[in-house]
PDB file of N, CA and C in Angstrom:
ATOM      1  N   MET A   1       0.837  -1.184   0.000  1.00  0.00           N
ATOM      2  CA  MET A   1       0.000   0.000   0.000  1.00  0.00           C
ATOM      3  C   MET A   1       0.883   1.250   0.000  1.00  0.00           C
ATOM      4  N   LYS A   2       0.570   2.183  -0.871  1.00  0.00           N
ATOM      5  CA  LYS A   2       1.342   3.406  -1.009  1.00  0.00           C
ATOM      6  C   LYS A   2       1.000   4.376   0.120  1.00  0.00           C
ATOM      7  N   LYS A   3       2.038   5.024   0.691  1.00  0.00           N
ATOM      8  CA  LYS A   3       1.827   6.007   1.746  1.00  0.00           C
ATOM      9  C   LYS A   3       1.171   7.260   1.185  1.00  0.00           C
ATOM     10  N   LYS A   4       0.218   7.814   1.932  1.00  0.00           N
ATOM     11  CA  LYS A   4      -0.387   9.091   1.541  1.00  0.00           C
ATOM     12  C   LYS A   4       0.616  10.199   1.855  1.00  0.00           C
ATOM     13  N   ILE A   5       0.850  11.069   0.873  1.00  0.00           N
ATOM     14  CA  ILE A   5       1.814  12.158   1.008  1.00  0.00           C
ATOM     15  C   ILE A   5       1.073  13.495   1.018  1.00  0.00           C
ATOM     16  N   ILE A   6       1.471  14.370   1.935  1.00  0.00           N
ATOM     17  CA  ILE A   6       0.884  15.698   2.083  1.00  0.00           C
ATOM     18  C   ILE A   6       1.920  16.735   1.658  1.00  0.00           C
ATOM     19  N   THR A   7       1.487  17.732   0.894  1.00  0.00           N
ATOM     20  CA  THR A   7       2.358  18.856   0.551  1.00  0.00           C
ATOM     21  C   THR A   7       2.139  19.932   1.608  1.00  0.00           C
ATOM     22  N   LEU A   8       3.239  20.392   2.220  1.00  0.00           N
ATOM     23  CA  LEU A   8       3.175  21.305   3.362  1.00  0.00           C
ATOM     24  C   LEU A   8       4.070  22.515   3.124  1.00  0.00           C
ATOM     25  N   PHE A   9       3.520  23.710   3.318  1.00  0.00           N
ATOM     26  CA  PHE A   9       4.296  24.950   3.260  1.00  0.00           C
ATOM     27  C   PHE A   9       4.635  25.350   4.683  1.00  0.00           C
ATOM     28  N   VAL A  10       5.922  25.596   4.948  1.00  0.00           N
ATOM     29  CA  VAL A  10       6.355  26.009   6.287  1.00  0.00           C
ATOM     30  C   VAL A  10       7.048  27.365   6.194  1.00  0.00           C
ATOM     31  N   TYR A  11       6.871  28.186   7.222  1.00  0.00           N
ATOM     32  CA  TYR A  11       7.373  29.562   7.197  1.00  0.00           C
ATOM     33  C   TYR A  11       8.093  29.950   8.478  1.00  0.00           C
ATOM     34  N   GLY A  12       8.135  29.060   9.461  1.00  0.00           N
ATOM     35  CA  GLY A  12       8.696  29.425  10.757  1.00  0.00           C
ATOM     36  C   GLY A  12       9.639  28.380  11.312  1.00  0.00           C
ATOM     37  N   THR A  13       9.286  27.854  12.463  1.00  0.00           N
ATOM     38  CA  THR A  13      10.190  26.942  13.171  1.00  0.00           C
ATOM     39  C   THR A  13      10.354  25.596  12.479  1.00  0.00           C
ATOM     40  N   LEU A  14       9.524  25.286  11.498  1.00  0.00           N
ATOM     41  CA  LEU A  14       9.667  24.029  10.750  1.00  0.00           C
ATOM     42  C   LEU A  14      10.596  24.169   9.539  1.00  0.00           C
ATOM     43  N   LYS A  15      11.002  25.401   9.194  1.00  0.00           N
ATOM     44  CA  LYS A  15      11.902  25.606   8.056  1.00  0.00           C
ATOM     45  C   LYS A  15      13.250  24.928   8.310  1.00  0.00           C
ATOM     46  N   SER A  16      14.052  24.815   7.256  1.00  0.00           N
ATOM     47  CA  SER A  16      15.321  24.084   7.321  1.00  0.00           C
ATOM     48  C   SER A  16      16.258  24.601   8.405  1.00  0.00           C
ATOM     49  N   ASN A  17      16.193  25.870   8.755  1.00  0.00           N
ATOM     50  CA  ASN A  17      17.043  26.406   9.818  1.00  0.00           C
ATOM     51  C   ASN A  17      16.290  26.553  11.134  1.00  0.00           C
ATOM     52  N   GLY A  18      15.099  25.990  11.220  1.00  0.00           N
ATOM     53  CA  GLY A  18      14.225  26.216  12.365  1.00  0.00           C
ATOM     54  C   GLY A  18      14.352  25.214  13.488  1.00  0.00           C
ATOM     55  N   LEU A  19      13.889  25.636  14.634  1.00  0.00           N
ATOM     56  CA  LEU A  19      13.917  24.860  15.865  1.00  0.00           C
ATOM     57  C   LEU A  19      13.204  23.513  15.744  1.00  0.00           C
ATOM     58  N   ASN A  20      12.125  23.445  14.978  1.00  0.00           N
ATOM     59  CA  ASN A  20      11.327  22.212  14.858  1.00  0.00           C
ATOM     60  C   ASN A  20      11.517  21.479  13.534  1.00  0.00           C
ATOM     61  N   ASN A  21      12.586  21.790  12.796  1.00  0.00           N
ATOM     62  CA  ASN A  21      12.794  21.148  11.499  1.00  0.00           C
ATOM     63  C   ASN A  21      13.023  19.649  11.611  1.00  0.00           C
ATOM     64  N   SER A  22      13.405  19.161  12.773  1.00  0.00           N
ATOM     65  CA  SER A  22      13.623  17.711  12.940  1.00  0.00           C
ATOM     66  C   SER A  22      12.353  16.922  12.621  1.00  0.00           C
ATOM     67  N   TRP A  23      11.183  17.547  12.755  1.00  0.00           N
ATOM     68  CA  TRP A  23       9.926  16.885  12.373  1.00  0.00           C
ATOM     69  C   TRP A  23       9.944  16.521  10.892  1.00  0.00           C
ATOM     70  N   LEU A  24      10.634  17.329  10.090  1.00  0.00           N
ATOM     71  CA  LEU A  24      10.663  17.119   8.641  1.00  0.00           C
ATOM     72  C   LEU A  24      11.909  16.375   8.178  1.00  0.00           C
ATOM     73  N   ASN A  25      12.983  16.448   8.942  1.00  0.00           N
ATOM     74  CA  ASN A  25      14.251  15.821   8.548  1.00  0.00           C
ATOM     75  C   ASN A  25      14.148  14.325   8.349  1.00  0.00           C
ATOM     76  N   SER A  26      13.401  13.655   9.211  1.00  0.00           N
ATOM     77  CA  SER A  26      13.377  12.192   9.177  1.00  0.00           C
ATOM     78  C   SER A  26      12.717  11.639   7.921  1.00  0.00           C
ATOM     79  N   GLU A  27      11.531  12.122   7.574  1.00  0.00           N
ATOM     80  CA  GLU A  27      10.795  11.551   6.443  1.00  0.00           C
ATOM     81  C   GLU A  27      10.309  12.579   5.435  1.00  0.00           C
ATOM     82  N   GLY A  28      10.485  13.855   5.732  1.00  0.00           N
ATOM     83  CA  GLY A  28      10.050  14.897   4.810  1.00  0.00           C
ATOM     84  C   GLY A  28      11.039  15.092   3.679  1.00  0.00           C
ATOM     85  N   VAL A  29      10.528  15.477   2.526  1.00  0.00           N
ATOM     86  CA  VAL A  29      11.374  15.740   1.359  1.00  0.00           C
ATOM     87  C   VAL A  29      11.198  17.203   0.959  1.00  0.00           C
ATOM     88  N   PHE A  30      12.306  17.943   0.963  1.00  0.00           N
ATOM     89  CA  PHE A  30      12.275  19.347   0.553  1.00  0.00           C
ATOM     90  C   PHE A  30      11.937  19.431  -0.932  1.00  0.00           C
ATOM     91  N   VAL A  31      10.992  20.307  -1.287  1.00  0.00           N
ATOM     92  CA  VAL A  31      10.587  20.490  -2.678  1.00  0.00           C
ATOM     93  C   VAL A  31      11.221  21.754  -3.259  1.00  0.00           C
ATOM     94  N   ASP A  32      10.963  22.904  -2.612  1.00  0.00           N
ATOM     95  CA  ASP A  32      11.457  24.176  -3.142  1.00  0.00           C
ATOM     96  C   ASP A  32      11.118  25.287  -2.150  1.00  0.00           C
ATOM     97  N   LYS A  33      11.738  26.433  -2.349  1.00  0.00           N
ATOM     98  CA  LYS A  33      11.339  27.634  -1.621  1.00  0.00           C
ATOM     99  C   LYS A  33      10.190  28.275  -2.381  1.00  0.00           C
ATOM    100  N   GLY A  34       9.348  29.012  -1.661  1.00  0.00           N
ATOM    101  CA  GLY A  34       8.221  29.658  -2.305  1.00  0.00           C
ATOM    102  C   GLY A  34       7.619  30.714  -1.401  1.00  0.00           C
ATOM    103  N   TRP A  35       6.427  31.161  -1.763  1.00  0.00           N
ATOM    104  CA  TRP A  35       5.733  32.145  -0.939  1.00  0.00           C
ATOM    105  C   TRP A  35       4.221  31.963  -1.032  1.00  0.00           C
ATOM    106  N   VAL A  36       3.550  32.439   0.008  1.00  0.00           N
ATOM    107  CA  VAL A  36       2.087  32.446   0.070  1.00  0.00           C
ATOM    108  C   VAL A  36       1.640  33.852   0.460  1.00  0.00           C
ATOM    109  N   HIS A  37       0.367  34.136   0.237  1.00  0.00           N
ATOM    110  CA  HIS A  37      -0.196  35.396   0.715  1.00  0.00           C
ATOM    111  C   HIS A  37      -0.537  35.243   2.192  1.00  0.00           C
ATOM    112  N   GLY A  38      -0.266  36.279   2.965  1.00  0.00           N
ATOM    113  CA  GLY A  38      -0.592  36.257   4.379  1.00  0.00           C
ATOM    114  C   GLY A  38      -0.048  37.486   5.075  1.00  0.00           C
ATOM    115  N   GLU A  39      -0.165  37.493   6.392  1.00  0.00           N
ATOM    116  CA  GLU A  39       0.466  38.498   7.248  1.00  0.00           C
ATOM    117  C   GLU A  39       1.209  37.738   8.323  1.00  0.00           C
ATOM    118  N   LEU A  40       2.518  37.986   8.421  1.00  0.00           N
ATOM    119  CA  LEU A  40       3.361  37.271   9.372  1.00  0.00           C
ATOM    120  C   LEU A  40       3.793  38.220  10.480  1.00  0.00           C
ATOM    121  N   TYR A  41       3.516  37.824  11.708  1.00  0.00           N
ATOM    122  CA  TYR A  41       3.942  38.569  12.885  1.00  0.00           C
ATOM    123  C   TYR A  41       4.870  37.677  13.686  1.00  0.00           C
ATOM    124  N   VAL A  42       5.938  38.277  14.218  1.00  0.00           N
ATOM    125  CA  VAL A  42       6.895  37.509  15.009  1.00  0.00           C
ATOM    126  C   VAL A  42       7.035  38.169  16.365  1.00  0.00           C
ATOM    127  N   ASP A  43       6.800  37.374  17.387  1.00  0.00           N
ATOM    128  CA  ASP A  43       7.075  37.765  18.764  1.00  0.00           C
ATOM    129  C   ASP A  43       8.220  36.842  19.150  1.00  0.00           C
ATOM    130  N   PHE A  44       7.988  35.875  19.976  1.00  0.00           N
ATOM    131  CA  PHE A  44       8.970  34.814  20.196  1.00  0.00           C
ATOM    132  C   PHE A  44       8.837  33.787  19.080  1.00  0.00           C
ATOM    133  N   LEU A  45       7.615  33.554  18.642  1.00  0.00           N
ATOM    134  CA  LEU A  45       7.311  32.601  17.571  1.00  0.00           C
ATOM    135  C   LEU A  45       6.679  33.337  16.394  1.00  0.00           C
ATOM    136  N   PRO A  46       6.684  32.722  15.217  1.00  0.00           N
ATOM    137  CA  PRO A  46       6.007  33.331  14.070  1.00  0.00           C
ATOM    138  C   PRO A  46       4.517  32.989  14.068  1.00  0.00           C
ATOM    139  N   TYR A  47       3.706  33.975  13.740  1.00  0.00           N
ATOM    140  CA  TYR A  47       2.259  33.794  13.666  1.00  0.00           C
ATOM    141  C   TYR A  47       1.796  34.254  12.288  1.00  0.00           C
ATOM    142  N   LEU A  48       1.281  33.333  11.485  1.00  0.00           N
ATOM    143  CA  LEU A  48       0.801  33.670  10.148  1.00  0.00           C
ATOM    144  C   LEU A  48      -0.715  33.818  10.170  1.00  0.00           C
ATOM    145  N   PHE A  49      -1.178  34.901   9.554  1.00  0.00           N
ATOM    146  CA  PHE A  49      -2.605  35.166   9.411  1.00  0.00           C
ATOM    147  C   PHE A  49      -2.915  35.324   7.931  1.00  0.00           C
ATOM    148  N   GLU A  50      -4.163  35.142   7.576  1.00  0.00           N
ATOM    149  CA  GLU A  50      -4.555  35.357   6.191  1.00  0.00           C
ATOM    150  C   GLU A  50      -4.392  36.840   5.868  1.00  0.00           C
ATOM    151  N   GLY A  51      -3.873  37.134   4.674  1.00  0.00           N
ATOM    152  CA  GLY A  51      -3.619  38.514   4.284  1.00  0.00           C
ATOM    153  C   GLY A  51      -3.066  38.587   2.874  1.00  0.00           C
ATOM    154  N   LYS A  52      -2.424  39.702   2.539  1.00  0.00           N
ATOM    155  CA  LYS A  52      -1.989  39.942   1.160  1.00  0.00           C
ATOM    156  C   LYS A  52      -0.475  40.057   0.984  1.00  0.00           C
ATOM    157  N   ASP A  53       0.318  40.077   2.062  1.00  0.00           N
ATOM    158  CA  ASP A  53       1.775  40.145   1.931  1.00  0.00           C
ATOM    159  C   ASP A  53       2.303  38.857   1.305  1.00  0.00           C
ATOM    160  N   LYS A  54       3.493  38.912   0.727  1.00  0.00           N
ATOM    161  CA  LYS A  54       4.153  37.714   0.193  1.00  0.00           C
ATOM    162  C   LYS A  54       5.057  37.146   1.285  1.00  0.00           C
ATOM    163  N   ILE A  55       4.633  36.032   1.867  1.00  0.00           N
ATOM    164  CA  ILE A  55       5.355  35.414   2.975  1.00  0.00           C
ATOM    165  C   ILE A  55       6.232  34.291   2.439  1.00  0.00           C
ATOM    166  N   LYS A  56       7.528  34.390   2.701  1.00  0.00           N
ATOM    167  CA  LYS A  56       8.493  33.413   2.196  1.00  0.00           C
ATOM    168  C   LYS A  56       8.557  32.187   3.094  1.00  0.00           C
ATOM    169  N   GLY A  57       8.769  31.026   2.453  1.00  0.00           N
ATOM    170  CA  GLY A  57       8.888  29.788   3.204  1.00  0.00           C
ATOM    171  C   GLY A  57       9.393  28.664   2.327  1.00  0.00           C
ATOM    172  N   GLU A  58       9.152  27.444   2.768  1.00  0.00           N
ATOM    173  CA  GLU A  58       9.630  26.241   2.085  1.00  0.00           C
ATOM    174  C   GLU A  58       8.496  25.240   1.935  1.00  0.00           C
ATOM    175  N   VAL A  59       8.566  24.449   0.880  1.00  0.00           N
ATOM    176  CA  VAL A  59       7.573  23.405   0.635  1.00  0.00           C
ATOM    177  C   VAL A  59       8.232  22.048   0.835  1.00  0.00           C
ATOM    178  N   TYR A  60       7.525  21.181   1.553  1.00  0.00           N
ATOM    179  CA  TYR A  60       7.973  19.810   1.797  1.00  0.00           C
ATOM    180  C   TYR A  60       6.868  18.841   1.415  1.00  0.00           C
ATOM    181  N   LYS A  61       7.257  17.633   1.060  1.00  0.00           N
ATOM    182  CA  LYS A  61       6.341  16.497   0.917  1.00  0.00           C
ATOM    183  C   LYS A  61       6.567  15.639   2.152  1.00  0.00           C
ATOM    184  N   VAL A  62       5.488  15.349   2.878  1.00  0.00           N
ATOM    185  CA  VAL A  62       5.611  14.565   4.108  1.00  0.00           C
ATOM    186  C   VAL A  62       4.573  13.453   4.136  1.00  0.00           C
ATOM    187  N   PRO A  63       4.928  12.310   4.723  1.00  0.00           N
ATOM    188  CA  PRO A  63       3.944  11.243   4.887  1.00  0.00           C
ATOM    189  C   PRO A  63       2.822  11.702   5.821  1.00  0.00           C
ATOM    190  N   LEU A  64       1.651  11.126   5.652  1.00  0.00           N
ATOM    191  CA  LEU A  64       0.486  11.504   6.448  1.00  0.00           C
ATOM    192  C   LEU A  64       0.753  11.415   7.946  1.00  0.00           C
ATOM    193  N   ASN A  65       1.467  10.381   8.399  1.00  0.00           N
ATOM    194  CA  ASN A  65       1.715  10.242   9.842  1.00  0.00           C
ATOM    195  C   ASN A  65       2.559  11.399  10.381  1.00  0.00           C
ATOM    196  N   VAL A  66       3.525  11.876   9.606  1.00  0.00           N
ATOM    197  CA  VAL A  66       4.342  13.021  10.023  1.00  0.00           C
ATOM    198  C   VAL A  66       3.484  14.285  10.018  1.00  0.00           C
ATOM    199  N   TYR A  67       2.681  14.463   8.978  1.00  0.00           N
ATOM    200  CA  TYR A  67       1.787  15.619   8.912  1.00  0.00           C
ATOM    201  C   TYR A  67       0.849  15.637  10.118  1.00  0.00           C
ATOM    202  N   LYS A  68       0.282  14.497  10.470  1.00  0.00           N
ATOM    203  CA  LYS A  68      -0.658  14.427  11.604  1.00  0.00           C
ATOM    204  C   LYS A  68       0.024  14.827  12.911  1.00  0.00           C
ATOM    205  N   ALA A  69       1.282  14.419  13.093  1.00  0.00           N
ATOM    206  CA  ALA A  69       2.027  14.795  14.303  1.00  0.00           C
ATOM    207  C   ALA A  69       2.259  16.309  14.330  1.00  0.00           C
ATOM    208  N   ILE A  70       2.638  16.875  13.186  1.00  0.00           N
ATOM    209  CA  ILE A  70       2.836  18.326  13.091  1.00  0.00           C
ATOM    210  C   ILE A  70       1.513  19.052  13.311  1.00  0.00           C
ATOM    211  N   GLU A  71       0.453  18.552  12.705  1.00  0.00           N
ATOM    212  CA  GLU A  71      -0.873  19.158  12.865  1.00  0.00           C
ATOM    213  C   GLU A  71      -1.286  19.178  14.336  1.00  0.00           C
ATOM    214  N   ASN A  72      -1.045  18.106  15.044  1.00  0.00           N
ATOM    215  CA  ASN A  72      -1.382  18.039  16.463  1.00  0.00           C
ATOM    216  C   ASN A  72      -0.635  19.122  17.241  1.00  0.00           C
ATOM    217  N   MET A  73       0.658  19.268  16.962  1.00  0.00           N
ATOM    218  CA  MET A  73       1.457  20.293  17.631  1.00  0.00           C
ATOM    219  C   MET A  73       0.908  21.688  17.312  1.00  0.00           C
ATOM    220  N   GLU A  74       0.626  21.946  16.044  1.00  0.00           N
ATOM    221  CA  GLU A  74       0.181  23.271  15.614  1.00  0.00           C
ATOM    222  C   GLU A  74      -1.217  23.617  16.133  1.00  0.00           C
ATOM    223  N   VAL A  75      -2.143  22.686  16.039  1.00  0.00           N
ATOM    224  CA  VAL A  75      -3.514  22.931  16.509  1.00  0.00           C
ATOM    225  C   VAL A  75      -3.517  23.216  18.011  1.00  0.00           C
ATOM    226  N   ASN A  76      -2.708  22.485  18.764  1.00  0.00           N
ATOM    227  CA  ASN A  76      -2.624  22.715  20.209  1.00  0.00           C
ATOM    228  C   ASN A  76      -1.993  24.060  20.553  1.00  0.00           C
ATOM    229  N   ALA A  77      -1.312  24.680  19.584  1.00  0.00           N
ATOM    230  CA  ALA A  77      -0.695  25.992  19.796  1.00  0.00           C
ATOM    231  C   ALA A  77      -1.533  27.122  19.182  1.00  0.00           C
ATOM    232  N   GLY A  78      -2.763  26.820  18.752  1.00  0.00           N
ATOM    233  CA  GLY A  78      -3.655  27.864  18.257  1.00  0.00           C
ATOM    234  C   GLY A  78      -3.650  28.085  16.756  1.00  0.00           C
ATOM    235  N   TYR A  79      -3.152  27.112  16.002  1.00  0.00           N
ATOM    236  CA  TYR A  79      -3.113  27.224  14.542  1.00  0.00           C
ATOM    237  C   TYR A  79      -4.189  26.334  13.917  1.00  0.00           C
ATOM    238  N   TYR A  80      -4.545  26.624  12.679  1.00  0.00           N
ATOM    239  CA  TYR A  80      -5.451  25.764  11.913  1.00  0.00           C
ATOM    240  C   TYR A  80      -4.872  25.598  10.509  1.00  0.00           C
ATOM    241  N   ALA A  81      -5.151  24.466   9.888  1.00  0.00           N
ATOM    242  CA  ALA A  81      -4.614  24.161   8.557  1.00  0.00           C
ATOM    243  C   ALA A  81      -5.591  24.582   7.471  1.00  0.00           C
ATOM    244  N   LYS A  82      -5.016  25.029   6.360  1.00  0.00           N
ATOM    245  CA  LYS A  82      -5.819  25.419   5.206  1.00  0.00           C
ATOM    246  C   LYS A  82      -5.016  25.106   3.947  1.00  0.00           C
ATOM    247  N   ASN A  83      -5.698  24.648   2.896  1.00  0.00           N
ATOM    248  CA  ASN A  83      -5.047  24.455   1.601  1.00  0.00           C
ATOM    249  C   ASN A  83      -4.949  25.801   0.895  1.00  0.00           C
ATOM    250  N   VAL A  84      -3.736  26.151   0.450  1.00  0.00           N
ATOM    251  CA  VAL A  84      -3.538  27.419  -0.254  1.00  0.00           C
ATOM    252  C   VAL A  84      -2.617  27.224  -1.451  1.00  0.00           C
ATOM    253  N   LYS A  85      -2.629  28.221  -2.335  1.00  0.00           N
ATOM    254  CA  LYS A  85      -1.722  28.208  -3.483  1.00  0.00           C
ATOM    255  C   LYS A  85      -0.366  28.722  -3.028  1.00  0.00           C
ATOM    256  N   VAL A  86       0.681  27.943  -3.318  1.00  0.00           N
ATOM    257  CA  VAL A  86       2.053  28.343  -3.017  1.00  0.00           C
ATOM    258  C   VAL A  86       2.742  28.654  -4.341  1.00  0.00           C
ATOM    259  N   HIS A  87       3.385  29.787  -4.395  1.00  0.00           N
ATOM    260  CA  HIS A  87       4.079  30.235  -5.598  1.00  0.00           C
ATOM    261  C   HIS A  87       5.541  29.801  -5.512  1.00  0.00           C
ATOM    262  N   LEU A  88       5.942  28.900  -6.411  1.00  0.00           N
ATOM    263  CA  LEU A  88       7.323  28.449  -6.509  1.00  0.00           C
ATOM    264  C   LEU A  88       7.982  29.164  -7.685  1.00  0.00           C
ATOM    265  N   ALA A  89       9.264  28.936  -7.894  1.00  0.00           N
ATOM    266  CA  ALA A  89       9.991  29.618  -8.973  1.00  0.00           C
ATOM    267  C   ALA A  89       9.401  29.311 -10.347  1.00  0.00           C
ATOM    268  N   LYS A  90       9.053  28.039 -10.602  1.00  0.00           N
ATOM    269  CA  LYS A  90       8.624  27.653 -11.951  1.00  0.00           C
ATOM    270  C   LYS A  90       7.164  27.236 -12.059  1.00  0.00           C
ATOM    271  N   LYS A  91       6.480  27.104 -10.921  1.00  0.00           N
ATOM    272  CA  LYS A  91       5.079  26.684 -10.975  1.00  0.00           C
ATOM    273  C   LYS A  91       4.408  27.020  -9.656  1.00  0.00           C
ATOM    274  N   ASN A  92       3.123  26.788  -9.580  1.00  0.00           N
ATOM    275  CA  ASN A  92       2.368  26.924  -8.338  1.00  0.00           C
ATOM    276  C   ASN A  92       1.908  25.544  -7.897  1.00  0.00           C
ATOM    277  N   VAL A  93       1.834  25.341  -6.587  1.00  0.00           N
ATOM    278  CA  VAL A  93       1.326  24.088  -6.041  1.00  0.00           C
ATOM    279  C   VAL A  93       0.322  24.419  -4.946  1.00  0.00           C
ATOM    280  N   THR A  94      -0.531  23.471  -4.639  1.00  0.00           N
ATOM    281  CA  THR A  94      -1.432  23.602  -3.498  1.00  0.00           C
ATOM    282  C   THR A  94      -0.808  22.863  -2.330  1.00  0.00           C
ATOM    283  N   ALA A  95      -0.793  23.523  -1.179  1.00  0.00           N
ATOM    284  CA  ALA A  95      -0.181  22.922   0.005  1.00  0.00           C
ATOM    285  C   ALA A  95      -0.970  23.302   1.249  1.00  0.00           C
ATOM    286  N   LYS A  96      -0.798  22.512   2.281  1.00  0.00           N
ATOM    287  CA  LYS A  96      -1.348  22.838   3.594  1.00  0.00           C
ATOM    288  C   LYS A  96      -0.469  23.914   4.223  1.00  0.00           C
ATOM    289  N   VAL A  97      -1.113  24.898   4.849  1.00  0.00           N
ATOM    290  CA  VAL A  97      -0.418  25.956   5.578  1.00  0.00           C
ATOM    291  C   VAL A  97      -1.117  26.110   6.918  1.00  0.00           C
ATOM    292  N   PHE A  98      -0.345  26.358   7.962  1.00  0.00           N
ATOM    293  CA  PHE A  98      -0.928  26.581   9.278  1.00  0.00           C
ATOM    294  C   PHE A  98      -1.010  28.075   9.567  1.00  0.00           C
ATOM    295  N   TYR A  99      -2.255  28.565   9.690  1.00  0.00           N
ATOM    296  CA  TYR A  99      -2.525  29.949  10.068  1.00  0.00           C
ATOM    297  C   TYR A  99      -2.865  29.989  11.550  1.00  0.00           C
ATOM    298  N   HIS A 100      -2.611  31.127  12.172  1.00  0.00           N
ATOM    299  CA  HIS A 100      -2.908  31.271  13.598  1.00  0.00           C
ATOM    300  C   HIS A 100      -4.276  31.915  13.795  1.00  0.00           C
ATOM    301  N   THR A 101      -4.924  31.548  14.890  1.00  0.00           N
ATOM    302  CA  THR A 101      -6.252  32.086  15.214  1.00  0.00           C
ATOM    303  C   THR A 101      -6.187  33.493  15.803  1.00  0.00           C
ATOM    304  N   GLY A 102      -5.020  33.890  16.307  1.00  0.00           N
ATOM    305  CA  GLY A 102      -4.875  35.208  16.920  1.00  0.00           C
ATOM    306  C   GLY A 102      -4.964  35.193  18.427  1.00  0.00           C
ATOM    307  N   LEU A 103      -5.393  34.083  18.994  1.00  0.00           N
ATOM    308  CA  LEU A 103      -5.475  33.985  20.451  1.00  0.00           C
ATOM    309  C   LEU A 103      -4.088  34.082  21.069  1.00  0.00           C
ATOM    310  N   TYR A 104      -3.966  34.886  22.103  1.00  0.00           N
ATOM    311  CA  TYR A 104      -2.747  35.007  22.907  1.00  0.00           C
ATOM    312  C   TYR A 104      -1.571  35.655  22.179  1.00  0.00           C
ATOM    313  N   VAL A 105      -1.792  36.272  21.029  1.00  0.00           N
ATOM    314  CA  VAL A 105      -0.705  36.959  20.328  1.00  0.00           C
ATOM    315  C   VAL A 105      -0.630  38.391  20.850  1.00  0.00           C
ATOM    316  N   ASP A 106       0.551  38.808  21.285  1.00  0.00           N
ATOM    317  CA  ASP A 106       0.758  40.166  21.777  1.00  0.00           C
ATOM    318  C   ASP A 106       1.161  41.053  20.598  1.00  0.00           C
ATOM    319  N   PHE A 107       0.179  41.658  19.959  1.00  0.00           N
ATOM    320  CA  PHE A 107       0.449  42.455  18.767  1.00  0.00           C
ATOM    321  C   PHE A 107       1.229  43.731  19.085  1.00  0.00           C
ATOM    322  N   LYS A 108       1.253  44.153  20.344  1.00  0.00           N
ATOM    323  CA  LYS A 108       2.046  45.328  20.718  1.00  0.00           C
ATOM    324  C   LYS A 108       3.534  44.999  20.672  1.00  0.00           C
ATOM    325  N   ARG A 109       3.876  43.757  20.977  1.00  0.00           N
ATOM    326  CA  ARG A 109       5.278  43.321  20.969  1.00  0.00           C
ATOM    327  C   ARG A 109       5.700  42.744  19.630  1.00  0.00           C
ATOM    328  N   ALA A 110       4.780  42.120  18.928  1.00  0.00           N
ATOM    329  CA  ALA A 110       5.111  41.412  17.687  1.00  0.00           C
ATOM    330  C   ALA A 110       5.440  42.402  16.574  1.00  0.00           C
ATOM    331  N   ARG A 111       6.382  42.008  15.719  1.00  0.00           N
ATOM    332  CA  ARG A 111       6.708  42.839  14.555  1.00  0.00           C
ATOM    333  C   ARG A 111       6.189  42.153  13.298  1.00  0.00           C
ATOM    334  N   ARG A 112       5.726  42.951  12.362  1.00  0.00           N
ATOM    335  CA  ARG A 112       5.227  42.420  11.091  1.00  0.00           C
ATOM    336  C   ARG A 112       6.404  42.286  10.128  1.00  0.00           C
ATOM    337  N   THR A 113       6.467  41.162   9.413  1.00  0.00           N
ATOM    338  CA  THR A 113       7.574  40.877   8.510  1.00  0.00           C
ATOM    339  C   THR A 113       7.081  39.989   7.369  1.00  0.00           C
ATOM    340  N   THR A 114       7.956  39.646   6.447  1.00  0.00           N
ATOM    341  CA  THR A 114       7.586  38.727   5.368  1.00  0.00           C
ATOM    342  C   THR A 114       8.397  37.439   5.416  1.00  0.00           C
ATOM    343  N   GLU A 115       9.314  37.353   6.392  1.00  0.00           N
ATOM    344  CA  GLU A 115      10.127  36.139   6.504  1.00  0.00           C
ATOM    345  C   GLU A 115      10.613  35.981   7.931  1.00  0.00           C
ATOM    346  N   TYR A 116      10.620  34.733   8.406  1.00  0.00           N
ATOM    347  CA  TYR A 116      11.078  34.427   9.764  1.00  0.00           C
ATOM    348  C   TYR A 116      12.449  33.828   9.689  1.00  0.00           C
TER     349      TYR A 116
END
C-alpha cells in the first residue's frame, strides 16, 4: 500500500534552519522555496494570518503520519490548517499551511515581517 503524502508549506520553526525542522528531517522531502499570501507577525514565535503580503517559506512532501504529528502540535498551539496556493519559482502548487487564530498573540510586541 502506497503512503499518503501531504504537501506542506512552512514559514517558521519548521523551516530548514528552524527549531522544529527535525519533524521534517526524518521523512520529509524538501521540494522548493516559495511564498504564500498572508500576514506574518513575530514575537517569540512566528504567527501567520490570512492577508496579502508575500510570505516566504519552504515546501515539503511529508507522509500523512508526520503531517498528523505536526498538525497536532500546531492545533494545540492555536493554529489551523488550510489548503492554499504556493508560488514556486517555476510553478504553483497547493499545500497545507498553518494559520494562527490570533489567540494570545501580543500584537504590541510582535513585529510584522515577510520572513522568519
